[in-house]
Amino acid sequence: MNSLFWRLGALSAGSSIAIQAYGGHKPWTLEKKLVFAKAWEIQFASAVGMMLLANYKHKGKLRIVGGLGLFAGSLVFSGILYYRCFYDDKSYNSYMPYGGGLVMAGWAVLACL
């Protein structure tokens, strides 16, 4: 499981840089730029968290729960914000608190290890 979270974290970090490079050049309003920046911050921070969790050798199930929380939460939270920016559609915003909650739970697990 260690290498899985390391790989997921590294892929998430790399894709966050790629999407930042792509979306950062869009001629968006200030509001959209701020939303996009928040999505990127959460995705990148979650990637770092997954990579940190990969280094723990003990508390296997707790580590798995934390890593999955960070991955799924980042996917939901940041994914919805990216979608909102690229497609001007706010219809999925009601699901963002679930993603945010999963990210917070993942970091709480990391704090408990």
N, C-alpha and C. Protein backbone atom coordinates (compact mmCIF):
# COMPACT_ATOMS: atom_id res chain seq x y z
N MET A 1 0.82 -1.20 0.00
CA MET A 1 0.00 0.00 0.00
C MET A 1 0.86 1.26 0.00
N ASN A 2 2.07 1.15 0.56
CA ASN A 2 2.93 2.33 0.59
C ASN A 2 3.19 2.88 -0.80
N SER A 3 3.55 2.00 -1.72
CA SER A 3 3.88 2.48 -3.06
C SER A 3 2.64 2.98 -3.79
N LEU A 4 1.46 2.43 -3.46
CA LEU A 4 0.23 2.91 -4.10
C LEU A 4 -0.02 4.37 -3.74
N PHE A 5 0.06 4.71 -2.46
CA PHE A 5 -0.18 6.09 -2.06
C PHE A 5 0.91 7.02 -2.56
N TRP A 6 2.15 6.51 -2.62
CA TRP A 6 3.22 7.33 -3.18
C TRP A 6 2.92 7.64 -4.64
N ARG A 7 2.52 6.63 -5.39
CA ARG A 7 2.22 6.82 -6.82
C ARG A 7 1.00 7.71 -7.03
N LEU A 8 -0.06 7.47 -6.25
CA LEU A 8 -1.25 8.33 -6.38
C LEU A 8 -0.92 9.78 -6.05
N GLY A 9 -0.14 9.97 -4.99
CA GLY A 9 0.26 11.32 -4.62
C GLY A 9 1.11 11.99 -5.68
N ALA A 10 2.06 11.24 -6.21
CA ALA A 10 2.93 11.80 -7.25
C ALA A 10 2.14 12.11 -8.52
N LEU A 11 1.24 11.21 -8.91
CA LEU A 11 0.40 11.47 -10.09
C LEU A 11 -0.52 12.66 -9.87
N SER A 12 -1.06 12.76 -8.66
CA SER A 12 -1.94 13.89 -8.36
C SER A 12 -1.16 15.21 -8.37
N ALA A 13 0.04 15.20 -7.81
CA ALA A 13 0.87 16.41 -7.82
C ALA A 13 1.24 16.79 -9.24
N GLY A 14 1.65 15.81 -10.03
CA GLY A 14 2.02 16.09 -11.41
C GLY A 14 0.85 16.60 -12.24
N SER A 15 -0.32 15.99 -12.05
CA SER A 15 -1.49 16.45 -12.80
C SER A 15 -1.94 17.82 -12.34
N SER A 16 -1.72 18.14 -11.06
CA SER A 16 -2.09 19.48 -10.59
C SER A 16 -1.21 20.55 -11.24
N ILE A 17 0.05 20.22 -11.46
CA ILE A 17 0.94 21.16 -12.15
C ILE A 17 0.50 21.31 -13.61
N ALA A 18 0.14 20.20 -14.23
CA ALA A 18 -0.30 20.25 -15.63
C ALA A 18 -1.58 21.06 -15.79
N ILE A 19 -2.54 20.84 -14.90
CA ILE A 19 -3.80 21.58 -15.03
C ILE A 19 -3.62 23.05 -14.68
N GLN A 20 -2.68 23.33 -13.78
CA GLN A 20 -2.37 24.73 -13.45
C GLN A 20 -1.76 25.43 -14.66
N ALA A 21 -0.88 24.72 -15.36
CA ALA A 21 -0.27 25.30 -16.55
C ALA A 21 -1.32 25.56 -17.63
N TYR A 22 -2.27 24.66 -17.76
CA TYR A 22 -3.31 24.82 -18.77
C TYR A 22 -4.32 25.90 -18.37
N GLY A 23 -4.87 25.78 -17.18
CA GLY A 23 -5.91 26.71 -16.73
C GLY A 23 -5.38 28.08 -16.36
N GLY A 24 -4.10 28.15 -15.99
CA GLY A 24 -3.52 29.42 -15.59
C GLY A 24 -3.42 30.43 -16.72
N HIS A 25 -3.53 29.96 -17.94
CA HIS A 25 -3.43 30.86 -19.10
C HIS A 25 -4.80 31.22 -19.68
N LYS A 26 -5.85 30.81 -19.03
CA LYS A 26 -7.19 31.15 -19.50
C LYS A 26 -7.51 32.60 -19.16
N PRO A 27 -8.20 33.30 -20.03
CA PRO A 27 -8.59 34.70 -19.74
C PRO A 27 -9.87 34.75 -18.89
N TRP A 28 -9.77 34.27 -17.66
CA TRP A 28 -10.93 34.19 -16.78
C TRP A 28 -11.08 35.45 -15.94
N THR A 29 -12.27 35.58 -15.37
CA THR A 29 -12.51 36.66 -14.41
C THR A 29 -11.71 36.38 -13.14
N LEU A 30 -11.59 37.38 -12.29
CA LEU A 30 -10.88 37.20 -11.04
C LEU A 30 -11.54 36.13 -10.18
N GLU A 31 -12.86 36.09 -10.17
CA GLU A 31 -13.58 35.08 -9.38
C GLU A 31 -13.21 33.67 -9.83
N LYS A 32 -13.21 33.43 -11.14
CA LYS A 32 -12.87 32.11 -11.66
C LYS A 32 -11.41 31.76 -11.35
N LYS A 33 -10.53 32.74 -11.44
CA LYS A 33 -9.13 32.49 -11.13
C LYS A 33 -8.95 32.08 -9.67
N LEU A 34 -9.71 32.70 -8.78
CA LEU A 34 -9.63 32.36 -7.36
C LEU A 34 -10.18 30.96 -7.10
N VAL A 35 -11.27 30.62 -7.75
CA VAL A 35 -11.85 29.28 -7.61
C VAL A 35 -10.87 28.23 -8.13
N PHE A 36 -10.28 28.50 -9.28
CA PHE A 36 -9.31 27.60 -9.87
C PHE A 36 -8.10 27.42 -8.95
N ALA A 37 -7.63 28.51 -8.38
CA ALA A 37 -6.49 28.45 -7.47
C ALA A 37 -6.81 27.61 -6.23
N LYS A 38 -8.02 27.74 -5.71
CA LYS A 38 -8.42 26.95 -4.54
C LYS A 38 -8.45 25.46 -4.89
N ALA A 39 -8.97 25.11 -6.06
CA ALA A 39 -8.99 23.71 -6.50
C ALA A 39 -7.57 23.16 -6.58
N TRP A 40 -6.67 23.96 -7.14
CA TRP A 40 -5.29 23.52 -7.28
C TRP A 40 -4.62 23.34 -5.92
N GLU A 41 -4.85 24.26 -5.01
CA GLU A 41 -4.25 24.17 -3.67
C GLU A 41 -4.68 22.90 -2.95
N ILE A 42 -5.97 22.61 -3.00
CA ILE A 42 -6.48 21.41 -2.33
C ILE A 42 -5.91 20.15 -2.98
N GLN A 43 -5.88 20.12 -4.30
CA GLN A 43 -5.35 18.95 -4.98
C GLN A 43 -3.88 18.74 -4.64
N PHE A 44 -3.09 19.80 -4.66
CA PHE A 44 -1.67 19.66 -4.39
C PHE A 44 -1.41 19.29 -2.93
N ALA A 45 -2.14 19.91 -2.02
CA ALA A 45 -1.95 19.59 -0.60
C ALA A 45 -2.34 18.13 -0.32
N SER A 46 -3.39 17.66 -0.95
CA SER A 46 -3.80 16.27 -0.78
C SER A 46 -2.75 15.33 -1.35
N ALA A 47 -2.14 15.71 -2.45
CA ALA A 47 -1.08 14.90 -3.04
C ALA A 47 0.10 14.77 -2.09
N VAL A 48 0.46 15.86 -1.48
CA VAL A 48 1.56 15.83 -0.50
C VAL A 48 1.18 14.94 0.68
N GLY A 49 -0.06 15.04 1.14
CA GLY A 49 -0.53 14.19 2.23
C GLY A 49 -0.46 12.71 1.89
N MET A 50 -0.86 12.35 0.68
CA MET A 50 -0.77 10.94 0.26
C MET A 50 0.67 10.46 0.25
N MET A 51 1.56 11.31 -0.19
CA MET A 51 2.97 10.92 -0.24
C MET A 51 3.55 10.80 1.18
N LEU A 52 3.09 11.64 2.10
CA LEU A 52 3.52 11.51 3.49
C LEU A 52 2.99 10.22 4.11
N LEU A 53 1.73 9.89 3.83
CA LEU A 53 1.15 8.66 4.36
C LEU A 53 1.88 7.42 3.86
N ALA A 54 2.43 7.50 2.67
CA ALA A 54 3.15 6.35 2.11
C ALA A 54 4.38 6.00 2.93
N ASN A 55 4.89 6.95 3.70
CA ASN A 55 6.11 6.72 4.47
C ASN A 55 5.86 6.06 5.82
N TYR A 56 4.61 5.92 6.24
CA TYR A 56 4.31 5.29 7.52
C TYR A 56 4.28 3.78 7.36
N LYS A 57 4.96 3.08 8.24
CA LYS A 57 5.04 1.62 8.15
C LYS A 57 4.03 0.93 9.06
N HIS A 58 3.43 1.63 9.99
CA HIS A 58 2.52 1.01 10.94
C HIS A 58 1.11 1.57 10.77
N LYS A 59 0.19 1.03 11.54
CA LYS A 59 -1.22 1.44 11.52
C LYS A 59 -1.79 1.36 10.10
N GLY A 60 -1.69 0.18 9.52
CA GLY A 60 -2.05 -0.04 8.13
C GLY A 60 -3.45 0.39 7.74
N LYS A 61 -4.47 -0.07 8.49
CA LYS A 61 -5.84 0.26 8.10
C LYS A 61 -6.12 1.75 8.24
N LEU A 62 -5.60 2.36 9.27
CA LEU A 62 -5.80 3.79 9.46
C LEU A 62 -5.13 4.57 8.34
N ARG A 63 -3.95 4.14 7.95
CA ARG A 63 -3.23 4.78 6.85
C ARG A 63 -3.99 4.65 5.53
N ILE A 64 -4.58 3.49 5.31
CA ILE A 64 -5.36 3.26 4.09
C ILE A 64 -6.57 4.18 4.05
N VAL A 65 -7.26 4.28 5.17
CA VAL A 65 -8.43 5.16 5.25
C VAL A 65 -8.03 6.61 4.99
N GLY A 66 -6.93 7.05 5.57
CA GLY A 66 -6.47 8.42 5.36
C GLY A 66 -6.10 8.69 3.91
N GLY A 67 -5.38 7.75 3.31
CA GLY A 67 -4.97 7.93 1.92
C GLY A 67 -6.15 7.95 0.97
N LEU A 68 -7.09 7.05 1.20
CA LEU A 68 -8.28 7.04 0.35
C LEU A 68 -9.13 8.29 0.55
N GLY A 69 -9.17 8.78 1.79
CA GLY A 69 -9.90 10.02 2.05
C GLY A 69 -9.28 11.20 1.32
N LEU A 70 -7.96 11.29 1.36
CA LEU A 70 -7.28 12.38 0.65
C LEU A 70 -7.48 12.27 -0.85
N PHE A 71 -7.36 11.05 -1.38
CA PHE A 71 -7.50 10.87 -2.82
C PHE A 71 -8.92 11.16 -3.28
N ALA A 72 -9.90 10.52 -2.64
CA ALA A 72 -11.30 10.71 -3.06
C ALA A 72 -11.76 12.14 -2.80
N GLY A 73 -11.38 12.69 -1.67
CA GLY A 73 -11.78 14.06 -1.34
C GLY A 73 -11.22 15.07 -2.32
N SER A 74 -9.97 14.90 -2.67
CA SER A 74 -9.35 15.79 -3.65
C SER A 74 -10.02 15.64 -5.00
N LEU A 75 -10.31 14.41 -5.37
CA LEU A 75 -10.97 14.17 -6.65
C LEU A 75 -12.34 14.85 -6.71
N VAL A 76 -13.10 14.70 -5.64
CA VAL A 76 -14.45 15.30 -5.61
C VAL A 76 -14.37 16.81 -5.49
N PHE A 77 -13.66 17.31 -4.50
CA PHE A 77 -13.63 18.76 -4.24
C PHE A 77 -12.98 19.51 -5.40
N SER A 78 -11.75 19.15 -5.73
CA SER A 78 -11.05 19.86 -6.78
C SER A 78 -11.67 19.60 -8.15
N GLY A 79 -12.11 18.38 -8.36
CA GLY A 79 -12.73 18.05 -9.64
C GLY A 79 -13.96 18.88 -9.93
N ILE A 80 -14.79 19.08 -8.91
CA ILE A 80 -15.98 19.90 -9.09
C ILE A 80 -15.61 21.35 -9.36
N LEU A 81 -14.61 21.86 -8.67
CA LEU A 81 -14.18 23.24 -8.91
C LEU A 81 -13.57 23.41 -10.29
N TYR A 82 -12.78 22.44 -10.73
CA TYR A 82 -12.24 22.51 -12.09
C TYR A 82 -13.37 22.48 -13.11
N TYR A 83 -14.32 21.59 -12.90
CA TYR A 83 -15.46 21.50 -13.81
C TYR A 83 -16.21 22.83 -13.87
N ARG A 84 -16.40 23.41 -12.69
CA ARG A 84 -17.10 24.70 -12.60
C ARG A 84 -16.37 25.77 -13.41
N CYS A 85 -15.07 25.79 -13.32
CA CYS A 85 -14.30 26.81 -14.05
C CYS A 85 -14.32 26.58 -15.55
N PHE A 86 -14.11 25.36 -15.97
CA PHE A 86 -14.01 25.07 -17.40
C PHE A 86 -15.35 25.09 -18.12
N TYR A 87 -16.43 24.72 -17.42
CA TYR A 87 -17.73 24.59 -18.10
C TYR A 87 -18.79 25.58 -17.62
N ASP A 88 -18.44 26.48 -16.72
CA ASP A 88 -19.40 27.46 -16.20
C ASP A 88 -20.67 26.81 -15.67
N ASP A 89 -20.52 25.73 -14.96
CA ASP A 89 -21.66 24.95 -14.46
C ASP A 89 -21.49 24.74 -12.95
N LYS A 90 -22.42 25.25 -12.18
CA LYS A 90 -22.36 25.12 -10.72
C LYS A 90 -23.30 24.04 -10.19
N SER A 91 -23.80 23.19 -11.06
CA SER A 91 -24.82 22.22 -10.65
C SER A 91 -24.29 21.15 -9.70
N TYR A 92 -23.00 20.94 -9.63
CA TYR A 92 -22.45 19.90 -8.75
C TYR A 92 -21.87 20.47 -7.45
N ASN A 93 -22.02 21.76 -7.24
CA ASN A 93 -21.44 22.39 -6.05
C ASN A 93 -21.96 21.80 -4.74
N SER A 94 -23.14 21.23 -4.74
CA SER A 94 -23.70 20.69 -3.50
C SER A 94 -22.92 19.46 -3.01
N TYR A 95 -22.09 18.88 -3.86
CA TYR A 95 -21.28 17.71 -3.47
C TYR A 95 -19.91 18.10 -2.92
N MET A 96 -19.55 19.35 -3.04
CA MET A 96 -18.23 19.79 -2.59
C MET A 96 -17.99 19.58 -1.10
N PRO A 97 -18.97 19.78 -0.23
CA PRO A 97 -18.70 19.54 1.20
C PRO A 97 -18.28 18.10 1.50
N TYR A 98 -18.77 17.15 0.72
CA TYR A 98 -18.35 15.76 0.93
C TYR A 98 -16.87 15.59 0.60
N GLY A 99 -16.44 16.19 -0.49
CA GLY A 99 -15.04 16.14 -0.85
C GLY A 99 -14.17 16.84 0.18
N GLY A 100 -14.61 18.01 0.61
CA GLY A 100 -13.86 18.74 1.64
C GLY A 100 -13.78 17.96 2.94
N GLY A 101 -14.87 17.32 3.32
CA GLY A 101 -14.88 16.51 4.54
C GLY A 101 -13.92 15.33 4.45
N LEU A 102 -13.85 14.70 3.28
CA LEU A 102 -12.92 13.59 3.10
C LEU A 102 -11.47 14.06 3.17
N VAL A 103 -11.19 15.21 2.60
CA VAL A 103 -9.82 15.76 2.67
C VAL A 103 -9.46 16.07 4.12
N MET A 104 -10.38 16.69 4.85
CA MET A 104 -10.11 17.00 6.26
C MET A 104 -9.92 15.73 7.08
N ALA A 105 -10.72 14.70 6.79
CA ALA A 105 -10.57 13.43 7.50
C ALA A 105 -9.22 12.79 7.19
N GLY A 106 -8.79 12.88 5.95
CA GLY A 106 -7.50 12.33 5.58
C GLY A 106 -6.35 13.01 6.33
N TRP A 107 -6.45 14.32 6.45
CA TRP A 107 -5.40 15.04 7.20
C TRP A 107 -5.51 14.75 8.70
N ALA A 108 -6.71 14.55 9.21
CA ALA A 108 -6.87 14.18 10.61
C ALA A 108 -6.22 12.82 10.90
N VAL A 109 -6.39 11.90 9.97
CA VAL A 109 -5.73 10.59 10.11
C VAL A 109 -4.22 10.76 10.14
N LEU A 110 -3.71 11.59 9.26
CA LEU A 110 -2.27 11.82 9.23
C LEU A 110 -1.79 12.40 10.55
N ALA A 111 -2.60 13.25 11.15
CA ALA A 111 -2.23 13.83 12.45
C ALA A 111 -2.23 12.78 13.56
N CYS A 112 -3.01 11.72 13.40
CA CYS A 112 -3.10 10.68 14.44
C CYS A 112 -2.01 9.62 14.32
N LEU A 113 -1.29 9.59 13.23
CA LEU A 113 -0.26 8.55 13.06
C LEU A 113 1.01 8.89 13.79
